[in-house]
Amino acid sequence: MRRVLFYRLYDVVPARLAELEKDARAFARSRAWRGDAFWLASDHSTDLFAMEYFRHARNEEGSVLSAAGFLRLLGDETDAIATLYFLNDVSQRFHARAILKDEENPIAKLRQLDIRQGRLPSGMPIEDVLAARPVIKKMEGEPITFYPPTYRPNSYFRRDKPGMWGFSLKGIRDFAPSFLEAEAEAMRIYRGFRRLNP
């Protein structure tokens, strides 16, 4: 059985729901998903499955629920990390609360996260609960390795660039301010190599 990540968003101003859904669609198109692509159901959903999913979720949660969805992951931790960072960003920009439930997450502290305006209830940023280990994105050719900011043995970690994500592939190493930016840049480099060596 595949690992499933459930997510819900609360307290988004109704007038901004269309903007949220537009951002969710743009995020879903912005990267290649190994498992399901990201999707979001809300009061504005028009397809039957999303409408019914949201109706059932709202019956459970009440009117504070603004949007909900789930992803079936197919052995790629980067799908889960990208979703986490997107929801973290949404919680800040929309002054909302995001809940992620990931019962099969191998790290106990990541099985349920409650993010309020970009922070955990303790006030810590989400980077403080991430495992301090590299994450490998499996590709057909060479894998891409991502190094979280908390990975101190990281040879790419620089004292003058705290909080940066490192990545490496085919001997190329670089930094980016966020996981999503690091992944996007790594994928551009990967596609470039694929064109040079089809």
N, C-alpha and C. Protein backbone atom coordinates (compact mmCIF):
# COMPACT_ATOMS: atom_id res chain seq x y z
N MET A 1 0.84 -1.20 0.00
CA MET A 1 0.00 0.00 0.00
C MET A 1 0.88 1.25 0.00
N ARG A 2 0.53 2.22 -0.83
CA ARG A 2 1.33 3.44 -0.94
C ARG A 2 1.10 4.37 0.25
N ARG A 3 2.14 5.11 0.57
CA ARG A 3 2.05 6.10 1.63
C ARG A 3 1.16 7.24 1.17
N VAL A 4 0.30 7.71 2.06
CA VAL A 4 -0.65 8.78 1.72
C VAL A 4 -0.43 9.95 2.66
N LEU A 5 -0.35 11.13 2.08
CA LEU A 5 -0.17 12.37 2.82
C LEU A 5 -1.48 13.16 2.72
N PHE A 6 -2.10 13.47 3.86
CA PHE A 6 -3.34 14.24 3.90
C PHE A 6 -3.02 15.66 4.34
N TYR A 7 -3.69 16.64 3.75
CA TYR A 7 -3.45 18.03 4.15
C TYR A 7 -4.76 18.81 4.14
N ARG A 8 -4.84 19.76 5.07
CA ARG A 8 -6.02 20.62 5.19
C ARG A 8 -5.59 22.04 5.51
N LEU A 9 -6.35 23.00 4.97
CA LEU A 9 -6.08 24.42 5.22
C LEU A 9 -7.29 25.05 5.88
N TYR A 10 -7.04 25.89 6.88
CA TYR A 10 -8.10 26.52 7.66
C TYR A 10 -7.97 28.04 7.63
N ASP A 11 -9.11 28.70 7.79
CA ASP A 11 -9.17 30.15 8.02
C ASP A 11 -8.63 31.00 6.87
N VAL A 12 -8.73 30.51 5.64
CA VAL A 12 -8.40 31.36 4.49
C VAL A 12 -9.60 32.28 4.25
N VAL A 13 -9.34 33.56 4.06
CA VAL A 13 -10.43 34.51 3.78
C VAL A 13 -11.15 34.06 2.52
N PRO A 14 -12.49 33.88 2.57
CA PRO A 14 -13.22 33.38 1.39
C PRO A 14 -12.93 34.13 0.10
N ALA A 15 -12.72 35.44 0.19
CA ALA A 15 -12.45 36.24 -1.02
C ALA A 15 -11.12 35.85 -1.68
N ARG A 16 -10.24 35.14 -0.94
CA ARG A 16 -8.93 34.76 -1.49
C ARG A 16 -8.87 33.29 -1.91
N LEU A 17 -9.99 32.57 -1.86
CA LEU A 17 -9.99 31.15 -2.24
C LEU A 17 -9.61 30.95 -3.70
N ALA A 18 -10.09 31.79 -4.59
CA ALA A 18 -9.76 31.65 -6.01
C ALA A 18 -8.25 31.82 -6.22
N GLU A 19 -7.64 32.76 -5.50
CA GLU A 19 -6.19 32.97 -5.58
C GLU A 19 -5.44 31.74 -5.06
N LEU A 20 -5.93 31.16 -3.96
CA LEU A 20 -5.33 29.95 -3.40
C LEU A 20 -5.39 28.81 -4.41
N GLU A 21 -6.54 28.62 -5.03
CA GLU A 21 -6.67 27.53 -6.00
C GLU A 21 -5.77 27.76 -7.21
N LYS A 22 -5.63 28.99 -7.64
CA LYS A 22 -4.74 29.30 -8.76
C LYS A 22 -3.30 28.96 -8.38
N ASP A 23 -2.88 29.32 -7.16
CA ASP A 23 -1.54 29.00 -6.69
C ASP A 23 -1.33 27.49 -6.61
N ALA A 24 -2.35 26.76 -6.16
CA ALA A 24 -2.25 25.30 -6.05
C ALA A 24 -2.08 24.67 -7.43
N ARG A 25 -2.82 25.16 -8.42
CA ARG A 25 -2.68 24.62 -9.78
C ARG A 25 -1.29 24.92 -10.34
N ALA A 26 -0.80 26.13 -10.10
CA ALA A 26 0.54 26.51 -10.57
C ALA A 26 1.60 25.63 -9.90
N PHE A 27 1.45 25.39 -8.60
CA PHE A 27 2.40 24.52 -7.89
C PHE A 27 2.37 23.11 -8.45
N ALA A 28 1.19 22.57 -8.71
CA ALA A 28 1.07 21.21 -9.25
C ALA A 28 1.77 21.09 -10.60
N ARG A 29 1.71 22.15 -11.41
CA ARG A 29 2.34 22.12 -12.74
C ARG A 29 3.83 22.44 -12.68
N SER A 30 4.31 22.96 -11.56
CA SER A 30 5.68 23.47 -11.49
C SER A 30 6.75 22.39 -11.36
N ARG A 31 6.35 21.16 -11.11
CA ARG A 31 7.34 20.10 -10.89
C ARG A 31 6.80 18.77 -11.39
N ALA A 32 7.71 17.82 -11.61
CA ALA A 32 7.32 16.46 -11.99
C ALA A 32 7.05 15.67 -10.72
N TRP A 33 5.89 15.05 -10.64
CA TRP A 33 5.50 14.27 -9.46
C TRP A 33 5.71 12.80 -9.74
N ARG A 34 6.34 12.11 -8.82
CA ARG A 34 6.52 10.68 -9.01
C ARG A 34 5.24 9.93 -8.68
N GLY A 35 4.52 10.38 -7.65
CA GLY A 35 3.22 9.81 -7.30
C GLY A 35 2.13 10.70 -7.87
N ASP A 36 1.05 10.88 -7.12
CA ASP A 36 -0.03 11.77 -7.56
C ASP A 36 0.47 13.21 -7.63
N ALA A 37 -0.11 13.98 -8.52
CA ALA A 37 0.17 15.42 -8.56
C ALA A 37 -0.65 16.10 -7.46
N PHE A 38 -0.13 17.18 -6.93
CA PHE A 38 -0.81 17.94 -5.88
C PHE A 38 -2.15 18.45 -6.40
N TRP A 39 -3.16 18.42 -5.56
CA TRP A 39 -4.48 18.98 -5.90
C TRP A 39 -5.12 19.48 -4.61
N LEU A 40 -6.10 20.34 -4.76
CA LEU A 40 -6.75 20.96 -3.61
C LEU A 40 -8.24 21.07 -3.89
N ALA A 41 -9.05 20.66 -2.93
CA ALA A 41 -10.51 20.77 -3.05
C ALA A 41 -11.00 21.86 -2.12
N SER A 42 -11.95 22.66 -2.60
CA SER A 42 -12.54 23.73 -1.79
C SER A 42 -13.97 23.96 -2.25
N ASP A 43 -14.59 25.01 -1.70
CA ASP A 43 -15.94 25.39 -2.14
C ASP A 43 -15.99 25.75 -3.63
N HIS A 44 -14.85 26.10 -4.20
CA HIS A 44 -14.79 26.51 -5.61
C HIS A 44 -14.56 25.34 -6.55
N SER A 45 -14.35 24.13 -6.03
CA SER A 45 -14.07 22.97 -6.89
C SER A 45 -15.26 22.67 -7.78
N THR A 46 -14.96 22.20 -9.00
CA THR A 46 -16.03 21.92 -9.96
C THR A 46 -16.11 20.45 -10.36
N ASP A 47 -15.03 19.67 -10.15
CA ASP A 47 -15.15 18.25 -10.51
C ASP A 47 -15.78 17.49 -9.34
N LEU A 48 -16.51 16.45 -9.68
CA LEU A 48 -17.35 15.75 -8.70
C LEU A 48 -16.56 15.17 -7.54
N PHE A 49 -15.41 14.53 -7.83
CA PHE A 49 -14.63 13.92 -6.75
C PHE A 49 -14.18 14.98 -5.75
N ALA A 50 -13.61 16.08 -6.24
CA ALA A 50 -13.13 17.14 -5.35
C ALA A 50 -14.28 17.74 -4.55
N MET A 51 -15.42 17.95 -5.20
CA MET A 51 -16.58 18.51 -4.50
C MET A 51 -17.02 17.61 -3.35
N GLU A 52 -17.11 16.30 -3.63
CA GLU A 52 -17.54 15.35 -2.60
C GLU A 52 -16.50 15.21 -1.50
N TYR A 53 -15.23 15.19 -1.90
CA TYR A 53 -14.16 15.08 -0.90
C TYR A 53 -14.23 16.27 0.07
N PHE A 54 -14.38 17.46 -0.49
CA PHE A 54 -14.43 18.65 0.36
C PHE A 54 -15.69 18.67 1.22
N ARG A 55 -16.81 18.23 0.65
CA ARG A 55 -18.06 18.20 1.43
C ARG A 55 -17.91 17.30 2.65
N HIS A 56 -17.33 16.11 2.46
CA HIS A 56 -17.12 15.18 3.59
C HIS A 56 -16.13 15.76 4.60
N ALA A 57 -15.05 16.36 4.10
CA ALA A 57 -14.05 16.96 5.00
C ALA A 57 -14.66 18.09 5.81
N ARG A 58 -15.47 18.94 5.16
CA ARG A 58 -16.09 20.05 5.88
C ARG A 58 -17.11 19.55 6.90
N ASN A 59 -17.81 18.45 6.60
CA ASN A 59 -18.74 17.87 7.58
C ASN A 59 -17.99 17.44 8.84
N GLU A 60 -16.75 16.98 8.66
CA GLU A 60 -15.93 16.58 9.81
C GLU A 60 -15.38 17.78 10.57
N GLU A 61 -14.94 18.81 9.84
CA GLU A 61 -14.18 19.91 10.43
C GLU A 61 -15.00 21.16 10.75
N GLY A 62 -16.08 21.37 10.02
CA GLY A 62 -16.86 22.59 10.22
C GLY A 62 -16.45 23.69 9.25
N SER A 63 -17.03 24.86 9.43
CA SER A 63 -16.86 25.95 8.46
C SER A 63 -15.47 26.58 8.47
N VAL A 64 -14.63 26.27 9.47
CA VAL A 64 -13.27 26.83 9.48
C VAL A 64 -12.40 26.21 8.39
N LEU A 65 -12.80 25.04 7.87
CA LEU A 65 -12.01 24.37 6.84
C LEU A 65 -12.16 25.13 5.52
N SER A 66 -11.03 25.48 4.92
CA SER A 66 -11.05 26.22 3.66
C SER A 66 -10.74 25.35 2.45
N ALA A 67 -9.84 24.37 2.61
CA ALA A 67 -9.45 23.51 1.49
C ALA A 67 -8.83 22.23 2.05
N ALA A 68 -8.84 21.17 1.24
CA ALA A 68 -8.29 19.89 1.68
C ALA A 68 -7.88 19.07 0.47
N GLY A 69 -7.03 18.08 0.71
CA GLY A 69 -6.61 17.17 -0.35
C GLY A 69 -5.71 16.09 0.21
N PHE A 70 -5.22 15.23 -0.67
CA PHE A 70 -4.29 14.19 -0.27
C PHE A 70 -3.42 13.80 -1.46
N LEU A 71 -2.26 13.22 -1.15
CA LEU A 71 -1.34 12.71 -2.17
C LEU A 71 -0.99 11.28 -1.85
N ARG A 72 -1.02 10.44 -2.86
CA ARG A 72 -0.46 9.10 -2.72
C ARG A 72 0.98 9.18 -3.21
N LEU A 73 1.92 8.91 -2.32
CA LEU A 73 3.33 9.04 -2.65
C LEU A 73 3.86 7.73 -3.21
N LEU A 74 4.76 7.83 -4.16
CA LEU A 74 5.30 6.63 -4.80
C LEU A 74 6.81 6.60 -4.60
N GLY A 75 7.22 6.47 -3.36
CA GLY A 75 8.64 6.29 -3.06
C GLY A 75 9.53 7.49 -3.33
N ASP A 76 8.97 8.70 -3.35
CA ASP A 76 9.80 9.89 -3.57
C ASP A 76 9.54 10.88 -2.45
N GLU A 77 10.50 10.99 -1.56
CA GLU A 77 10.36 11.88 -0.41
C GLU A 77 10.27 13.34 -0.84
N THR A 78 10.79 13.66 -2.02
CA THR A 78 10.75 15.06 -2.45
C THR A 78 9.32 15.51 -2.74
N ASP A 79 8.42 14.60 -3.12
CA ASP A 79 7.01 14.97 -3.29
C ASP A 79 6.44 15.46 -1.96
N ALA A 80 6.76 14.75 -0.88
CA ALA A 80 6.26 15.13 0.44
C ALA A 80 6.89 16.44 0.91
N ILE A 81 8.18 16.63 0.68
CA ILE A 81 8.86 17.85 1.12
C ILE A 81 8.34 19.06 0.34
N ALA A 82 8.14 18.88 -0.97
CA ALA A 82 7.62 19.99 -1.78
C ALA A 82 6.24 20.40 -1.29
N THR A 83 5.39 19.42 -0.97
CA THR A 83 4.05 19.71 -0.46
C THR A 83 4.13 20.45 0.87
N LEU A 84 5.02 20.00 1.74
CA LEU A 84 5.20 20.64 3.04
C LEU A 84 5.59 22.11 2.87
N TYR A 85 6.54 22.39 1.98
CA TYR A 85 6.98 23.77 1.79
C TYR A 85 5.93 24.63 1.11
N PHE A 86 5.18 24.05 0.18
CA PHE A 86 4.10 24.82 -0.44
C PHE A 86 3.06 25.22 0.61
N LEU A 87 2.66 24.27 1.45
CA LEU A 87 1.66 24.57 2.48
C LEU A 87 2.20 25.54 3.52
N ASN A 88 3.48 25.45 3.81
CA ASN A 88 4.11 26.40 4.73
C ASN A 88 4.03 27.81 4.14
N ASP A 89 4.33 27.93 2.84
CA ASP A 89 4.27 29.22 2.17
C ASP A 89 2.83 29.75 2.14
N VAL A 90 1.88 28.87 1.83
CA VAL A 90 0.47 29.27 1.79
C VAL A 90 0.01 29.76 3.16
N SER A 91 0.44 29.06 4.22
CA SER A 91 0.02 29.46 5.57
C SER A 91 0.49 30.86 5.91
N GLN A 92 1.64 31.25 5.37
CA GLN A 92 2.15 32.60 5.61
C GLN A 92 1.43 33.64 4.76
N ARG A 93 1.32 33.38 3.48
CA ARG A 93 0.74 34.37 2.57
C ARG A 93 -0.75 34.59 2.80
N PHE A 94 -1.48 33.53 3.21
CA PHE A 94 -2.92 33.64 3.39
C PHE A 94 -3.32 33.76 4.87
N HIS A 95 -2.32 33.88 5.75
CA HIS A 95 -2.56 33.97 7.20
C HIS A 95 -3.48 32.83 7.65
N ALA A 96 -3.09 31.62 7.24
CA ALA A 96 -3.93 30.43 7.47
C ALA A 96 -3.21 29.42 8.34
N ARG A 97 -3.93 28.37 8.64
CA ARG A 97 -3.39 27.24 9.39
C ARG A 97 -3.40 26.03 8.45
N ALA A 98 -2.30 25.29 8.41
CA ALA A 98 -2.20 24.08 7.58
C ALA A 98 -1.90 22.89 8.48
N ILE A 99 -2.59 21.78 8.23
CA ILE A 99 -2.33 20.53 8.94
C ILE A 99 -1.90 19.48 7.92
N LEU A 100 -0.79 18.81 8.18
CA LEU A 100 -0.34 17.69 7.35
C LEU A 100 -0.35 16.43 8.20
N LYS A 101 -0.96 15.37 7.67
CA LYS A 101 -0.95 14.07 8.35
C LYS A 101 -0.28 13.07 7.43
N ASP A 102 0.76 12.44 7.95
CA ASP A 102 1.58 11.52 7.17
C ASP A 102 1.90 10.32 8.06
N GLU A 103 0.91 9.44 8.24
CA GLU A 103 1.02 8.34 9.21
C GLU A 103 2.17 7.39 8.94
N GLU A 104 2.60 7.28 7.68
CA GLU A 104 3.67 6.35 7.34
C GLU A 104 5.04 7.02 7.26
N ASN A 105 5.12 8.29 7.66
CA ASN A 105 6.40 8.97 7.62
C ASN A 105 7.38 8.26 8.55
N PRO A 106 8.58 7.94 8.07
CA PRO A 106 9.54 7.22 8.91
C PRO A 106 10.04 8.04 10.10
N ILE A 107 9.81 9.34 10.09
CA ILE A 107 10.26 10.20 11.19
C ILE A 107 9.04 10.55 12.03
N ALA A 108 9.00 10.10 13.27
CA ALA A 108 7.82 10.25 14.11
C ALA A 108 7.36 11.69 14.23
N LYS A 109 8.31 12.63 14.33
CA LYS A 109 7.91 14.03 14.53
C LYS A 109 7.31 14.66 13.29
N LEU A 110 7.34 13.96 12.16
CA LEU A 110 6.75 14.49 10.93
C LEU A 110 5.42 13.80 10.57
N ARG A 111 4.87 13.01 11.49
CA ARG A 111 3.62 12.30 11.17
C ARG A 111 2.41 13.22 11.23
N GLN A 112 2.47 14.27 12.02
CA GLN A 112 1.43 15.30 11.98
C GLN A 112 2.07 16.64 12.29
N LEU A 113 1.88 17.57 11.37
CA LEU A 113 2.42 18.92 11.54
C LEU A 113 1.29 19.92 11.50
N ASP A 114 1.33 20.86 12.42
CA ASP A 114 0.36 21.94 12.52
C ASP A 114 1.14 23.23 12.27
N ILE A 115 0.90 23.86 11.12
CA ILE A 115 1.65 25.05 10.73
C ILE A 115 0.71 26.25 10.76
N ARG A 116 1.07 27.26 11.53
CA ARG A 116 0.26 28.47 11.64
C ARG A 116 1.10 29.66 11.19
N GLN A 117 0.71 30.21 10.05
CA GLN A 117 1.41 31.36 9.47
C GLN A 117 2.91 31.13 9.39
N GLY A 118 3.29 29.95 8.90
CA GLY A 118 4.69 29.63 8.66
C GLY A 118 5.47 29.16 9.87
N ARG A 119 4.79 28.90 10.97
CA ARG A 119 5.48 28.44 12.18
C ARG A 119 4.75 27.25 12.79
N LEU A 120 5.50 26.44 13.51
CA LEU A 120 4.90 25.37 14.29
C LEU A 120 4.31 25.98 15.56
N PRO A 121 3.43 25.26 16.27
CA PRO A 121 2.84 25.83 17.50
C PRO A 121 3.87 26.32 18.51
N SER A 122 5.05 25.70 18.52
CA SER A 122 6.11 26.11 19.45
C SER A 122 6.76 27.43 19.02
N GLY A 123 6.48 27.88 17.80
CA GLY A 123 7.10 29.09 17.27
C GLY A 123 8.29 28.80 16.38
N MET A 124 8.72 27.53 16.31
CA MET A 124 9.87 27.16 15.48
C MET A 124 9.48 27.12 14.01
N PRO A 125 10.44 27.39 13.10
CA PRO A 125 10.18 27.18 11.67
C PRO A 125 10.20 25.68 11.37
N ILE A 126 9.61 25.30 10.24
CA ILE A 126 9.51 23.86 9.94
C ILE A 126 10.88 23.20 9.75
N GLU A 127 11.90 23.97 9.35
CA GLU A 127 13.23 23.38 9.17
C GLU A 127 13.73 22.72 10.45
N ASP A 128 13.26 23.20 11.61
CA ASP A 128 13.74 22.67 12.88
C ASP A 128 13.25 21.26 13.17
N VAL A 129 12.23 20.79 12.45
CA VAL A 129 11.77 19.42 12.69
C VAL A 129 12.18 18.46 11.58
N LEU A 130 12.75 18.99 10.51
CA LEU A 130 13.19 18.11 9.43
C LEU A 130 14.39 17.29 9.88
N ALA A 131 14.47 16.09 9.36
CA ALA A 131 15.64 15.26 9.66
C ALA A 131 16.87 15.91 9.05
N ALA A 132 17.96 15.85 9.78
CA ALA A 132 19.20 16.45 9.29
C ALA A 132 19.96 15.44 8.45
N ARG A 133 19.32 14.97 7.39
CA ARG A 133 19.95 13.98 6.51
C ARG A 133 19.67 14.36 5.06
N PRO A 134 20.54 13.93 4.16
CA PRO A 134 20.29 14.21 2.75
C PRO A 134 19.03 13.49 2.25
N VAL A 135 18.39 14.06 1.26
CA VAL A 135 17.23 13.47 0.61
C VAL A 135 17.60 13.22 -0.84
N ILE A 136 17.37 12.00 -1.32
CA ILE A 136 17.76 11.65 -2.68
C ILE A 136 16.52 11.54 -3.57
N LYS A 137 16.55 12.25 -4.67
CA LYS A 137 15.48 12.15 -5.68
C LYS A 137 15.97 11.17 -6.73
N LYS A 138 15.27 10.06 -6.87
CA LYS A 138 15.68 9.02 -7.81
C LYS A 138 15.27 9.41 -9.23
N MET A 139 16.24 9.47 -10.09
CA MET A 139 16.00 9.80 -11.49
C MET A 139 16.43 8.61 -12.35
N GLU A 140 16.04 8.64 -13.63
CA GLU A 140 16.41 7.55 -14.53
C GLU A 140 17.92 7.45 -14.68
N GLY A 141 18.56 8.58 -14.76
CA GLY A 141 20.01 8.60 -14.87
C GLY A 141 20.63 8.70 -13.49
N GLU A 142 21.32 9.79 -13.26
CA GLU A 142 21.98 10.03 -11.98
C GLU A 142 21.02 10.63 -10.97
N PRO A 143 21.02 10.13 -9.72
CA PRO A 143 20.12 10.72 -8.71
C PRO A 143 20.57 12.13 -8.32
N ILE A 144 19.61 12.88 -7.78
CA ILE A 144 19.90 14.24 -7.30
C ILE A 144 19.83 14.19 -5.77
N THR A 145 20.84 14.72 -5.11
CA THR A 145 20.88 14.72 -3.65
C THR A 145 20.65 16.13 -3.14
N PHE A 146 19.70 16.26 -2.20
CA PHE A 146 19.39 17.55 -1.58
C PHE A 146 19.85 17.51 -0.13
N TYR A 147 20.44 18.61 0.32
CA TYR A 147 20.95 18.72 1.69
C TYR A 147 20.17 19.79 2.43
N PRO A 148 19.38 19.43 3.44
CA PRO A 148 18.61 20.44 4.17
C PRO A 148 19.52 21.38 4.95
N PRO A 149 19.01 22.55 5.29
CA PRO A 149 19.83 23.52 6.04
C PRO A 149 20.35 22.97 7.36
N THR A 150 19.64 22.00 7.93
CA THR A 150 20.05 21.44 9.22
C THR A 150 21.13 20.37 9.09
N TYR A 151 21.53 20.04 7.88
CA TYR A 151 22.55 19.01 7.66
C TYR A 151 23.94 19.61 7.83
N ARG A 152 24.48 19.53 9.03
CA ARG A 152 25.75 20.20 9.34
C ARG A 152 26.97 19.57 8.68
N PRO A 153 27.03 18.24 8.48
CA PRO A 153 28.20 17.72 7.78
C PRO A 153 28.21 18.11 6.30
N ASN A 154 27.18 18.79 5.86
CA ASN A 154 27.04 19.20 4.47
C ASN A 154 28.25 20.01 4.01
N SER A 155 28.94 19.50 3.01
CA SER A 155 30.11 20.22 2.51
C SER A 155 29.72 21.52 1.82
N TYR A 156 28.43 21.67 1.52
CA TYR A 156 27.95 22.88 0.87
C TYR A 156 27.49 23.92 1.89
N PHE A 157 27.42 23.53 3.16
CA PHE A 157 26.96 24.46 4.18
C PHE A 157 28.02 25.55 4.37
N ARG A 158 27.57 26.78 4.36
CA ARG A 158 28.49 27.90 4.58
C ARG A 158 27.97 28.73 5.74
N ARG A 159 28.85 29.17 6.57
CA ARG A 159 28.44 29.98 7.72
C ARG A 159 27.78 31.28 7.28
N ASP A 160 28.16 31.79 6.11
CA ASP A 160 27.57 33.05 5.66
C ASP A 160 26.25 32.84 4.93
N LYS A 161 25.81 31.57 4.77
CA LYS A 161 24.54 31.29 4.09
C LYS A 161 23.70 30.31 4.91
N PRO A 162 23.35 30.67 6.14
CA PRO A 162 22.52 29.75 6.93
C PRO A 162 21.13 29.63 6.31
N GLY A 163 20.54 28.46 6.47
CA GLY A 163 19.19 28.25 5.97
C GLY A 163 19.11 27.90 4.50
N MET A 164 20.25 27.76 3.83
CA MET A 164 20.25 27.44 2.40
C MET A 164 20.17 25.93 2.20
N TRP A 165 19.44 25.52 1.17
CA TRP A 165 19.39 24.12 0.75
C TRP A 165 20.52 23.87 -0.24
N GLY A 166 21.32 22.82 -0.01
CA GLY A 166 22.34 22.44 -0.97
C GLY A 166 21.80 21.32 -1.86
N PHE A 167 22.36 21.20 -3.06
CA PHE A 167 22.01 20.06 -3.91
C PHE A 167 23.22 19.70 -4.76
N SER A 168 23.26 18.45 -5.20
CA SER A 168 24.35 18.00 -6.06
C SER A 168 23.84 16.97 -7.06
N LEU A 169 24.40 17.04 -8.26
CA LEU A 169 24.17 16.02 -9.27
C LEU A 169 25.29 16.10 -10.28
N LYS A 170 25.76 14.94 -10.70
CA LYS A 170 26.83 14.83 -11.69
C LYS A 170 28.02 15.74 -11.36
N GLY A 171 28.36 15.83 -10.09
CA GLY A 171 29.50 16.63 -9.66
C GLY A 171 29.25 18.12 -9.55
N ILE A 172 28.04 18.57 -9.90
CA ILE A 172 27.70 19.99 -9.78
C ILE A 172 27.06 20.20 -8.42
N ARG A 173 27.50 21.23 -7.71
CA ARG A 173 26.96 21.55 -6.38
C ARG A 173 26.53 22.99 -6.35
N ASP A 174 25.42 23.24 -5.68
CA ASP A 174 24.95 24.62 -5.58
C ASP A 174 24.02 24.76 -4.40
N PHE A 175 23.60 26.01 -4.12
CA PHE A 175 22.68 26.36 -3.05
C PHE A 175 21.45 27.03 -3.60
N ALA A 176 20.39 27.01 -2.83
CA ALA A 176 19.20 27.80 -3.13
C ALA A 176 18.54 28.15 -1.79
N PRO A 177 17.79 29.26 -1.75
CA PRO A 177 17.19 29.70 -0.49
C PRO A 177 16.11 28.77 0.05
N SER A 178 15.46 27.97 -0.82
CA SER A 178 14.38 27.09 -0.37
C SER A 178 14.48 25.76 -1.08
N PHE A 179 13.78 24.76 -0.54
CA PHE A 179 13.77 23.45 -1.19
C PHE A 179 13.19 23.53 -2.60
N LEU A 180 12.07 24.24 -2.76
CA LEU A 180 11.42 24.32 -4.07
C LEU A 180 12.34 24.95 -5.11
N GLU A 181 13.09 25.99 -4.72
CA GLU A 181 14.02 26.62 -5.65
C GLU A 181 15.20 25.70 -5.95
N ALA A 182 15.69 24.98 -4.92
CA ALA A 182 16.79 24.04 -5.14
C ALA A 182 16.36 22.92 -6.09
N GLU A 183 15.15 22.40 -5.88
CA GLU A 183 14.67 21.33 -6.75
C GLU A 183 14.49 21.83 -8.19
N ALA A 184 13.93 23.02 -8.36
CA ALA A 184 13.72 23.57 -9.70
C ALA A 184 15.05 23.76 -10.43
N GLU A 185 16.05 24.30 -9.74
CA GLU A 185 17.35 24.52 -10.35
C GLU A 185 18.03 23.18 -10.67
N ALA A 186 17.95 22.22 -9.75
CA ALA A 186 18.54 20.90 -9.99
C ALA A 186 17.90 20.22 -11.20
N MET A 187 16.58 20.36 -11.33
CA MET A 187 15.89 19.75 -12.47
C MET A 187 16.27 20.44 -13.78
N ARG A 188 16.49 21.75 -13.77
CA ARG A 188 16.96 22.43 -14.99
C ARG A 188 18.32 21.88 -15.42
N ILE A 189 19.21 21.69 -14.45
CA ILE A 189 20.53 21.15 -14.76
C ILE A 189 20.41 19.71 -15.26
N TYR A 190 19.57 18.93 -14.60
CA TYR A 190 19.37 17.53 -15.00
C TYR A 190 18.85 17.44 -16.44
N ARG A 191 17.83 18.26 -16.76
CA ARG A 191 17.29 18.25 -18.13
C ARG A 191 18.33 18.69 -19.15
N GLY A 192 19.18 19.64 -18.75
CA GLY A 192 20.25 20.08 -19.64
C GLY A 192 21.20 18.95 -19.97
N PHE A 193 21.59 18.19 -18.96
CA PHE A 193 22.48 17.03 -19.19
C PHE A 193 21.80 15.99 -20.07
N ARG A 194 20.48 15.79 -19.88
CA ARG A 194 19.75 14.80 -20.68
C ARG A 194 19.74 15.21 -22.15
N ARG A 195 19.63 16.51 -22.42
CA ARG A 195 19.64 16.97 -23.82
C ARG A 195 21.02 16.80 -24.46
N LEU A 196 22.07 17.02 -23.63
CA LEU A 196 23.44 16.87 -24.14
C LEU A 196 23.80 15.42 -24.39
N ASN A 197 23.26 14.53 -23.55
CA ASN A 197 23.55 13.10 -23.67
C ASN A 197 22.26 12.29 -23.75
N PRO A 198 21.56 12.33 -24.89
CA PRO A 198 20.26 11.63 -24.97
C PRO A 198 20.43 10.12 -24.90
